[in-house]
Each structure stands twice: as structure tokens, then as C-alpha cells.
Amino acid sequence: MLAEARKAFFVMFGVMVAIWAVQIVNWMDHQQLSVEYGVVPHDVGRLPEIFTAPFLHFSWAHIESNSGPLFVFGFLAAYRGVARFLWLTLLVTVTSGLAVWIFQSGDTVGAGASGVIFGYFGYVVLRGIFDRHLIDTLVGLVMGASFAYMLTVAVPGTPGISWLAHLGGLVGGVVGAWLLRDRRPATASGTTPSGTPTGGGSRGAGSTGGGSIPSGPGKDVAAGPRSDLHKELGDLGLL
């Protein structure tokens, strides 16, 4: 997991460099990139722009307000696996962009990474619950409580902000947390996933007996939820 966390850091660092480099070019061109490659609702010819719009911003204040949450939630979404993160990014980009393209009214142009940020937010908050990972559940609770105010801009009535992009991204993040969850094999009652009895019966060579399974040299961890917790802490280097 620590190796994946390092990959996640460099991936998000690269994303931030790319977004800011695009913004510099956009600023030199008087924000014409945002106008030309943003999402225009109901225009079939501009539908592919749902993939370019997240890299574009209309002002320095716009990109500054998005940069912090994008890096934080992007890193938290990626540190369990960069490949899974890339699929998530594709999903929330599509759901956020389509929400604007289909439902937004009026002659407008949409751009910015906030829809993707909301997708990462929804994914991080719910991932631990769907994966049944204690650490991720705690991270989701903390981030959900700390950034609950973000949901206030995902409702209608905020001038100049596309709440549809935010809502579409949030829905994509929730769906992604379910579709990309860890799929653990079902286990029969009284056995470990490998079929080893966890209690009762005779003790033979390699038998753990007494409801415990080996978790490493010189360590015995009780089978069940506590073993998952110990594995989580071990991954973090705390055991």
C-alpha cells in the first residue's frame, strides 16, 4: 500500500502540473481554451469536450480554489491502486460532463475540475464501507465531516456555479465506490478463506486451532474482523 501511495502522490503531482501548465497557456490566450474546449450543452459536436473541460479553468481564482481539494481527494482516491483510480477518473469525468451536456440549459460553456473533485469526494467517503476496510472507513468519515460544506455548492441556486457538474460527479463517485469495490470470496461458516478450520476438530501439522490463523513470523491474529484490522495496520507499517 505504501508503494501505491507513492505512485498516487506522483500521479497527482503530474496532474496538478498539467492543469497549471494548461492554465498558463489559457491565460496567455485570454481564456480562449476554456471557451473552445469547454462543454456546451446539447451540442453534439462539443460532446467530446467532456474529457477536456476538467483541465480548463476560467480564472486564476477558479483554478486556485480547485487545486487543493483536487490534490487531496485525488491522492486519497488513488493510494489504494492507481489502475483503479484511472477507471474512477474516467467514470466521474463522463458522469459529470454528461450531466452538464444533457441537463444544463441556456447558451453556456462549462469547464473546471470541480465535478471530478466531487466524484473523488463521493468515492473516498463510501469506499471504506463498500470495501469493509477500517482505515478507509475512518478516512471517509473524517473527510466527509471536514468537507461537508462542499455539498452546499452541489445544489441549485449558486450563481456562476454548475451544480449539475458537481452532482453528476458525486453520483459517479458513489457508483464507482460500488463498482470498484474489493470483491472478497465468500467463506463458509467456521472456515478461513482457504478452507482452514478456525476452531474445534483435531490439531495437525500446520493447524492453527483455537480460532486463530498465522499472520506472520511469531504472530497469531484472531480470524475475522480483527485479522482485517491487523492487516490494515500492518500495511501502514504500524505492526
C-alpha atoms as a PDB file:
ATOM      1  CA  MET A   1       0.000   0.000   0.000  1.00  0.00           C
ATOM      2  CA  LEU A   2       2.886   2.372   0.736  1.00  0.00           C
ATOM      3  CA  ALA A   3       4.244   1.731  -2.752  1.00  0.00           C
ATOM      4  CA  GLU A   4       0.834   2.570  -4.225  1.00  0.00           C
ATOM      5  CA  ALA A   5       0.702   5.704  -2.071  1.00  0.00           C
ATOM      6  CA  ARG A   6       3.978   6.876  -3.562  1.00  0.00           C
ATOM      7  CA  LYS A   7       2.624   6.233  -7.046  1.00  0.00           C
ATOM      8  CA  ALA A   8      -0.557   8.117  -6.151  1.00  0.00           C
ATOM      9  CA  PHE A   9       1.447  11.120  -4.968  1.00  0.00           C
ATOM     10  CA  PHE A  10       3.450  11.358  -8.182  1.00  0.00           C
ATOM     11  CA  VAL A  11       0.366  10.782 -10.338  1.00  0.00           C
ATOM     12  CA  MET A  12      -1.482  13.637  -8.654  1.00  0.00           C
ATOM     13  CA  PHE A  13       1.618  15.832  -8.760  1.00  0.00           C
ATOM     14  CA  GLY A  14       1.778  15.233 -12.516  1.00  0.00           C
ATOM     15  CA  VAL A  15      -1.942  16.023 -12.870  1.00  0.00           C
ATOM     16  CA  MET A  16      -1.507  19.308 -10.999  1.00  0.00           C
ATOM     17  CA  VAL A  17       1.485  20.287 -13.143  1.00  0.00           C
ATOM     18  CA  ALA A  18      -0.512  19.560 -16.303  1.00  0.00           C
ATOM     19  CA  ILE A  19      -3.544  21.561 -15.155  1.00  0.00           C
ATOM     20  CA  TRP A  20      -1.467  24.580 -14.168  1.00  0.00           C
ATOM     21  CA  ALA A  21       0.543  24.432 -17.400  1.00  0.00           C
ATOM     22  CA  VAL A  22      -2.706  24.427 -19.375  1.00  0.00           C
ATOM     23  CA  GLN A  23      -3.933  27.377 -17.311  1.00  0.00           C
ATOM     24  CA  ILE A  24      -0.810  29.388 -18.147  1.00  0.00           C
ATOM     25  CA  VAL A  25      -1.390  28.813 -21.872  1.00  0.00           C
ATOM     26  CA  ASN A  26      -5.096  29.549 -21.388  1.00  0.00           C
ATOM     27  CA  TRP A  27      -4.314  32.819 -19.601  1.00  0.00           C
ATOM     28  CA  MET A  28      -1.918  33.874 -22.371  1.00  0.00           C
ATOM     29  CA  ASP A  29      -4.729  33.236 -24.871  1.00  0.00           C
ATOM     30  CA  HIS A  30      -7.286  35.224 -22.813  1.00  0.00           C
ATOM     31  CA  GLN A  31      -9.147  32.081 -21.655  1.00  0.00           C
ATOM     32  CA  GLN A  32      -9.996  31.065 -25.209  1.00  0.00           C
ATOM     33  CA  LEU A  33      -9.141  27.434 -24.482  1.00  0.00           C
ATOM     34  CA  SER A  34     -11.939  27.307 -21.921  1.00  0.00           C
ATOM     35  CA  VAL A  35     -14.368  28.768 -24.441  1.00  0.00           C
ATOM     36  CA  GLU A  36     -13.303  26.488 -27.286  1.00  0.00           C
ATOM     37  CA  TYR A  37     -12.869  23.236 -25.353  1.00  0.00           C
ATOM     38  CA  GLY A  38     -15.448  23.555 -22.590  1.00  0.00           C
ATOM     39  CA  VAL A  39     -18.760  21.684 -22.523  1.00  0.00           C
ATOM     40  CA  VAL A  40     -21.594  23.282 -24.497  1.00  0.00           C
ATOM     41  CA  PRO A  41     -24.966  21.729 -23.562  1.00  0.00           C
ATOM     42  CA  HIS A  42     -26.909  19.866 -26.268  1.00  0.00           C
ATOM     43  CA  ASP A  43     -24.245  20.492 -28.928  1.00  0.00           C
ATOM     44  CA  VAL A  44     -23.345  17.076 -30.350  1.00  0.00           C
ATOM     45  CA  GLY A  45     -20.187  18.444 -31.894  1.00  0.00           C
ATOM     46  CA  ARG A  46     -18.971  19.559 -28.465  1.00  0.00           C
ATOM     47  CA  LEU A  47     -19.721  16.282 -26.680  1.00  0.00           C
ATOM     48  CA  PRO A  48     -16.045  15.110 -26.736  1.00  0.00           C
ATOM     49  CA  GLU A  49     -15.184  18.216 -24.711  1.00  0.00           C
ATOM     50  CA  ILE A  50     -16.422  16.481 -21.562  1.00  0.00           C
ATOM     51  CA  PHE A  51     -12.883  14.999 -21.486  1.00  0.00           C
ATOM     52  CA  THR A  52     -11.047  18.311 -21.921  1.00  0.00           C
ATOM     53  CA  ALA A  53     -13.214  20.571 -19.748  1.00  0.00           C
ATOM     54  CA  PRO A  54     -11.824  19.290 -16.379  1.00  0.00           C
ATOM     55  CA  PHE A  55      -8.352  20.546 -17.371  1.00  0.00           C
ATOM     56  CA  LEU A  56      -9.606  24.080 -18.079  1.00  0.00           C
ATOM     57  CA  HIS A  57     -10.475  26.964 -15.765  1.00  0.00           C
ATOM     58  CA  PHE A  58     -11.868  30.422 -16.381  1.00  0.00           C
ATOM     59  CA  SER A  59      -9.595  32.347 -13.977  1.00  0.00           C
ATOM     60  CA  TRP A  60      -6.710  32.066 -11.536  1.00  0.00           C
ATOM     61  CA  ALA A  61      -9.179  32.173  -8.644  1.00  0.00           C
ATOM     62  CA  HIS A  62     -11.069  29.280 -10.245  1.00  0.00           C
ATOM     63  CA  ILE A  63      -8.024  27.017 -10.524  1.00  0.00           C
ATOM     64  CA  GLU A  64      -6.719  28.020  -7.078  1.00  0.00           C
ATOM     65  CA  SER A  65      -9.992  27.056  -5.404  1.00  0.00           C
ATOM     66  CA  ASN A  66      -9.962  23.663  -7.137  1.00  0.00           C
ATOM     67  CA  SER A  67      -6.296  22.759  -6.734  1.00  0.00           C
ATOM     68  CA  GLY A  68      -6.246  21.891  -3.018  1.00  0.00           C
ATOM     69  CA  PRO A  69      -9.346  19.632  -2.965  1.00  0.00           C
ATOM     70  CA  LEU A  70      -8.318  18.029  -6.277  1.00  0.00           C
ATOM     71  CA  PHE A  71      -4.921  17.009  -4.953  1.00  0.00           C
ATOM     72  CA  VAL A  72      -6.203  15.815  -1.554  1.00  0.00           C
ATOM     73  CA  PHE A  73      -9.169  13.798  -2.791  1.00  0.00           C
ATOM     74  CA  GLY A  74      -7.303  12.595  -5.864  1.00  0.00           C
ATOM     75  CA  PHE A  75      -4.493  11.236  -3.704  1.00  0.00           C
ATOM     76  CA  LEU A  76      -6.908   9.570  -1.278  1.00  0.00           C
ATOM     77  CA  ALA A  77      -8.768   8.004  -4.208  1.00  0.00           C
ATOM     78  CA  ALA A  78      -5.535   6.747  -5.811  1.00  0.00           C
ATOM     79  CA  TYR A  79      -3.498   5.412  -2.903  1.00  0.00           C
ATOM     80  CA  ARG A  80      -5.301   2.050  -2.915  1.00  0.00           C
ATOM     81  CA  GLY A  81      -4.356   1.485  -6.542  1.00  0.00           C
ATOM     82  CA  VAL A  82      -3.567   3.774  -9.478  1.00  0.00           C
ATOM     83  CA  ALA A  83      -5.222   1.493 -12.066  1.00  0.00           C
ATOM     84  CA  ARG A  84      -8.491   1.570 -10.132  1.00  0.00           C
ATOM     85  CA  PHE A  85      -8.104   5.342  -9.784  1.00  0.00           C
ATOM     86  CA  LEU A  86      -7.819   5.778 -13.547  1.00  0.00           C
ATOM     87  CA  TRP A  87     -11.081   3.881 -14.094  1.00  0.00           C
ATOM     88  CA  LEU A  88     -12.710   6.040 -11.421  1.00  0.00           C
ATOM     89  CA  THR A  89     -11.445   9.215 -13.086  1.00  0.00           C
ATOM     90  CA  LEU A  90     -12.900   8.133 -16.418  1.00  0.00           C
ATOM     91  CA  LEU A  91     -16.241   7.350 -14.786  1.00  0.00           C
ATOM     92  CA  VAL A  92     -16.629  10.637 -12.869  1.00  0.00           C
ATOM     93  CA  THR A  93     -15.440  12.651 -15.863  1.00  0.00           C
ATOM     94  CA  VAL A  94     -18.165  11.089 -18.011  1.00  0.00           C
ATOM     95  CA  THR A  95     -20.971  11.389 -15.421  1.00  0.00           C
ATOM     96  CA  SER A  96     -20.073  14.979 -14.556  1.00  0.00           C
ATOM     97  CA  GLY A  97     -19.734  16.062 -18.188  1.00  0.00           C
ATOM     98  CA  LEU A  98     -22.895  14.303 -19.340  1.00  0.00           C
ATOM     99  CA  ALA A  99     -24.914  15.851 -16.508  1.00  0.00           C
ATOM    100  CA  VAL A 100     -23.969  19.291 -17.842  1.00  0.00           C
ATOM    101  CA  TRP A 101     -24.324  18.363 -21.519  1.00  0.00           C
ATOM    102  CA  ILE A 102     -27.777  16.798 -21.093  1.00  0.00           C
ATOM    103  CA  PHE A 103     -29.450  18.859 -18.382  1.00  0.00           C
ATOM    104  CA  GLN A 104     -27.795  22.287 -18.400  1.00  0.00           C
ATOM    105  CA  SER A 105     -29.966  24.910 -20.077  1.00  0.00           C
ATOM    106  CA  GLY A 106     -29.053  28.093 -21.895  1.00  0.00           C
ATOM    107  CA  ASP A 107     -26.127  29.135 -24.075  1.00  0.00           C
ATOM    108  CA  THR A 108     -23.332  28.373 -21.610  1.00  0.00           C
ATOM    109  CA  VAL A 109     -19.861  26.859 -21.554  1.00  0.00           C
ATOM    110  CA  GLY A 110     -18.793  24.612 -18.697  1.00  0.00           C
ATOM    111  CA  ALA A 111     -15.208  23.995 -17.596  1.00  0.00           C
ATOM    112  CA  GLY A 112     -13.308  23.147 -14.428  1.00  0.00           C
ATOM    113  CA  ALA A 113     -12.253  20.173 -12.322  1.00  0.00           C
ATOM    114  CA  SER A 114     -14.875  20.596  -9.604  1.00  0.00           C
ATOM    115  CA  GLY A 115     -17.131  17.861 -10.996  1.00  0.00           C
ATOM    116  CA  VAL A 116     -14.236  15.407 -10.854  1.00  0.00           C
ATOM    117  CA  ILE A 117     -13.424  16.587  -7.318  1.00  0.00           C
ATOM    118  CA  PHE A 118     -16.957  15.774  -6.209  1.00  0.00           C
ATOM    119  CA  GLY A 119     -16.589  12.353  -7.807  1.00  0.00           C
ATOM    120  CA  TYR A 120     -13.420  11.680  -5.809  1.00  0.00           C
ATOM    121  CA  PHE A 121     -15.161  13.009  -2.694  1.00  0.00           C
ATOM    122  CA  GLY A 122     -18.082  10.595  -3.028  1.00  0.00           C
ATOM    123  CA  TYR A 123     -15.715   7.709  -3.728  1.00  0.00           C
ATOM    124  CA  VAL A 124     -13.445   8.403  -0.738  1.00  0.00           C
ATOM    125  CA  VAL A 125     -16.356   8.794   1.683  1.00  0.00           C
ATOM    126  CA  LEU A 126     -18.016   5.491   0.699  1.00  0.00           C
ATOM    127  CA  ARG A 127     -15.115   3.302  -0.425  1.00  0.00           C
ATOM    128  CA  GLY A 128     -14.284   2.036   3.061  1.00  0.00           C
ATOM    129  CA  ILE A 129     -17.879   0.993   3.674  1.00  0.00           C
ATOM    130  CA  PHE A 130     -18.165  -0.975   0.437  1.00  0.00           C
ATOM    131  CA  ASP A 131     -14.665  -2.487   0.782  1.00  0.00           C
ATOM    132  CA  ARG A 132     -15.072  -3.130   4.518  1.00  0.00           C
ATOM    133  CA  HIS A 133     -11.668  -1.549   5.188  1.00  0.00           C
ATOM    134  CA  LEU A 134     -11.494   0.032   8.624  1.00  0.00           C
ATOM    135  CA  ILE A 135      -8.781   2.555   7.743  1.00  0.00           C
ATOM    136  CA  ASP A 136     -10.608   3.721   4.605  1.00  0.00           C
ATOM    137  CA  THR A 137     -13.873   3.949   6.536  1.00  0.00           C
ATOM    138  CA  LEU A 138     -12.247   6.218   9.129  1.00  0.00           C
ATOM    139  CA  VAL A 139     -10.640   8.322   6.392  1.00  0.00           C
ATOM    140  CA  GLY A 140     -14.014   8.643   4.672  1.00  0.00           C
ATOM    141  CA  LEU A 141     -15.738   9.737   7.875  1.00  0.00           C
ATOM    142  CA  VAL A 142     -13.082  12.344   8.628  1.00  0.00           C
ATOM    143  CA  MET A 143     -13.034  13.747   5.104  1.00  0.00           C
ATOM    144  CA  GLY A 144     -16.817  13.692   4.859  1.00  0.00           C
ATOM    145  CA  ALA A 145     -17.156  15.655   8.107  1.00  0.00           C
ATOM    146  CA  SER A 146     -14.344  18.063   7.195  1.00  0.00           C
ATOM    147  CA  PHE A 147     -15.607  18.842   3.699  1.00  0.00           C
ATOM    148  CA  ALA A 148     -19.360  18.533   4.188  1.00  0.00           C
ATOM    149  CA  TYR A 149     -19.644  22.188   3.211  1.00  0.00           C
ATOM    150  CA  MET A 150     -18.749  21.153  -0.356  1.00  0.00           C
ATOM    151  CA  LEU A 151     -22.233  19.724  -0.721  1.00  0.00           C
ATOM    152  CA  THR A 152     -23.690  23.223  -0.404  1.00  0.00           C
ATOM    153  CA  VAL A 153     -22.462  24.029  -3.922  1.00  0.00           C
ATOM    154  CA  ALA A 154     -23.996  20.844  -5.333  1.00  0.00           C
ATOM    155  CA  VAL A 155     -27.492  22.298  -5.045  1.00  0.00           C
ATOM    156  CA  PRO A 156     -29.253  24.803  -7.337  1.00  0.00           C
ATOM    157  CA  GLY A 157     -29.111  28.493  -6.629  1.00  0.00           C
ATOM    158  CA  THR A 158     -25.387  29.306  -6.556  1.00  0.00           C
ATOM    159  CA  PRO A 159     -24.712  31.923  -9.279  1.00  0.00           C
ATOM    160  CA  GLY A 160     -21.975  31.083 -11.780  1.00  0.00           C
ATOM    161  CA  ILE A 161     -21.526  27.511 -10.500  1.00  0.00           C
ATOM    162  CA  SER A 162     -22.745  24.455 -12.371  1.00  0.00           C
ATOM    163  CA  TRP A 163     -24.326  22.396  -9.619  1.00  0.00           C
ATOM    164  CA  LEU A 164     -25.197  19.785 -12.263  1.00  0.00           C
ATOM    165  CA  ALA A 165     -21.481  19.110 -12.857  1.00  0.00           C
ATOM    166  CA  HIS A 166     -20.970  18.664  -9.124  1.00  0.00           C
ATOM    167  CA  LEU A 167     -23.997  16.435  -8.717  1.00  0.00           C
ATOM    168  CA  GLY A 168     -23.062  14.331 -11.753  1.00  0.00           C
ATOM    169  CA  GLY A 169     -19.548  13.848 -10.434  1.00  0.00           C
ATOM    170  CA  LEU A 170     -20.830  12.946  -6.982  1.00  0.00           C
ATOM    171  CA  VAL A 171     -23.165  10.308  -8.422  1.00  0.00           C
ATOM    172  CA  GLY A 172     -20.284   8.905 -10.462  1.00  0.00           C
ATOM    173  CA  GLY A 173     -18.104   8.698  -7.352  1.00  0.00           C
ATOM    174  CA  VAL A 174     -20.778   6.806  -5.408  1.00  0.00           C
ATOM    175  CA  VAL A 175     -21.291   4.388  -8.311  1.00  0.00           C
ATOM    176  CA  GLY A 176     -17.532   3.991  -8.631  1.00  0.00           C
ATOM    177  CA  ALA A 177     -17.168   3.120  -4.947  1.00  0.00           C
ATOM    178  CA  TRP A 178     -19.583   0.234  -5.541  1.00  0.00           C
ATOM    179  CA  LEU A 179     -18.321  -0.954  -8.938  1.00  0.00           C
ATOM    180  CA  LEU A 180     -14.622  -0.784  -7.962  1.00  0.00           C
ATOM    181  CA  ARG A 181     -15.014  -2.314  -4.507  1.00  0.00           C
ATOM    182  CA  ASP A 182     -12.893  -5.239  -3.343  1.00  0.00           C
ATOM    183  CA  ARG A 183     -14.671  -8.475  -4.133  1.00  0.00           C
ATOM    184  CA  ARG A 184     -13.724 -10.963  -1.451  1.00  0.00           C
ATOM    185  CA  PRO A 185     -14.586 -14.639  -1.905  1.00  0.00           C
ATOM    186  CA  ALA A 186     -17.433 -15.894   0.266  1.00  0.00           C
ATOM    187  CA  THR A 187     -16.342 -18.176   3.117  1.00  0.00           C
ATOM    188  CA  ALA A 188     -18.216 -20.961   4.820  1.00  0.00           C
ATOM    189  CA  SER A 189     -19.042 -20.600   8.498  1.00  0.00           C
ATOM    190  CA  GLY A 190     -16.195 -21.739  10.703  1.00  0.00           C
ATOM    191  CA  THR A 191     -13.508 -21.655   7.994  1.00  0.00           C
ATOM    192  CA  THR A 192     -10.934 -19.224   6.745  1.00  0.00           C
ATOM    193  CA  PRO A 193     -10.956 -18.195   3.058  1.00  0.00           C
ATOM    194  CA  SER A 194      -8.504 -21.010   2.312  1.00  0.00           C
ATOM    195  CA  GLY A 195     -10.769 -23.556   3.956  1.00  0.00           C
ATOM    196  CA  THR A 196      -8.697 -23.994   7.118  1.00  0.00           C
ATOM    197  CA  PRO A 197     -10.886 -24.757  10.153  1.00  0.00           C
ATOM    198  CA  THR A 198     -10.857 -21.888  12.645  1.00  0.00           C
ATOM    199  CA  GLY A 199     -11.854 -23.819  15.705  1.00  0.00           C
ATOM    200  CA  GLY A 200     -12.631 -27.293  17.026  1.00  0.00           C
ATOM    201  CA  GLY A 201     -11.520 -30.526  15.421  1.00  0.00           C
ATOM    202  CA  SER A 202      -8.119 -32.110  15.636  1.00  0.00           C
ATOM    203  CA  ARG A 203      -4.797 -30.278  15.579  1.00  0.00           C
ATOM    204  CA  GLY A 204      -2.461 -31.468  12.907  1.00  0.00           C
ATOM    205  CA  ALA A 205       0.698 -30.161  11.354  1.00  0.00           C
ATOM    206  CA  GLY A 206       0.158 -26.548  10.352  1.00  0.00           C
ATOM    207  CA  SER A 207      -3.199 -26.416  12.147  1.00  0.00           C
ATOM    208  CA  THR A 208      -3.804 -23.160  13.963  1.00  0.00           C
ATOM    209  CA  GLY A 209      -6.602 -24.342  16.251  1.00  0.00           C
ATOM    210  CA  GLY A 210      -8.329 -22.163  18.831  1.00  0.00           C
ATOM    211  CA  GLY A 211      -9.758 -19.781  16.244  1.00  0.00           C
ATOM    212  CA  SER A 212      -6.503 -18.165  15.089  1.00  0.00           C
ATOM    213  CA  ILE A 213      -4.553 -18.045  11.863  1.00  0.00           C
ATOM    214  CA  PRO A 214      -0.881 -17.204  11.327  1.00  0.00           C
ATOM    215  CA  SER A 215      -0.306 -13.622  10.206  1.00  0.00           C
ATOM    216  CA  GLY A 216       3.461 -13.573  10.054  1.00  0.00           C
ATOM    217  CA  PRO A 217       6.566 -14.831  11.848  1.00  0.00           C
ATOM    218  CA  GLY A 218       5.840 -15.179  15.540  1.00  0.00           C
ATOM    219  CA  LYS A 219       2.351 -13.622  15.311  1.00  0.00           C
ATOM    220  CA  ASP A 220      -1.104 -15.102  15.715  1.00  0.00           C
ATOM    221  CA  VAL A 221      -4.148 -12.992  14.887  1.00  0.00           C
ATOM    222  CA  ALA A 222      -7.735 -13.991  15.557  1.00  0.00           C
ATOM    223  CA  ALA A 223      -9.667 -14.822  12.426  1.00  0.00           C
ATOM    224  CA  GLY A 224     -12.459 -12.449  11.480  1.00  0.00           C
ATOM    225  CA  PRO A 225     -12.724  -8.645  11.578  1.00  0.00           C
ATOM    226  CA  ARG A 226      -9.698  -8.305  13.865  1.00  0.00           C
ATOM    227  CA  SER A 227      -7.492 -10.028  11.311  1.00  0.00           C
ATOM    228  CA  ASP A 228      -8.573  -7.450   8.721  1.00  0.00           C
ATOM    229  CA  LEU A 229      -7.687  -4.647  11.137  1.00  0.00           C
ATOM    230  CA  HIS A 230      -4.276  -6.149  11.827  1.00  0.00           C
ATOM    231  CA  LYS A 231      -3.618  -6.461   8.102  1.00  0.00           C
ATOM    232  CA  GLU A 232      -4.623  -2.817   7.571  1.00  0.00           C
ATOM    233  CA  LEU A 233      -2.288  -1.650  10.328  1.00  0.00           C
ATOM    234  CA  GLY A 234       0.455  -3.901   9.016  1.00  0.00           C
ATOM    235  CA  ASP A 235       0.135  -2.378   5.566  1.00  0.00           C
ATOM    236  CA  LEU A 236       0.634   1.030   7.119  1.00  0.00           C
ATOM    237  CA  GLY A 237       3.753  -0.168   8.936  1.00  0.00           C
ATOM    238  CA  LEU A 238       2.155   0.168  12.366  1.00  0.00           C
ATOM    239  CA  LEU A 239       2.606  -3.509  13.247  1.00  0.00           C
END
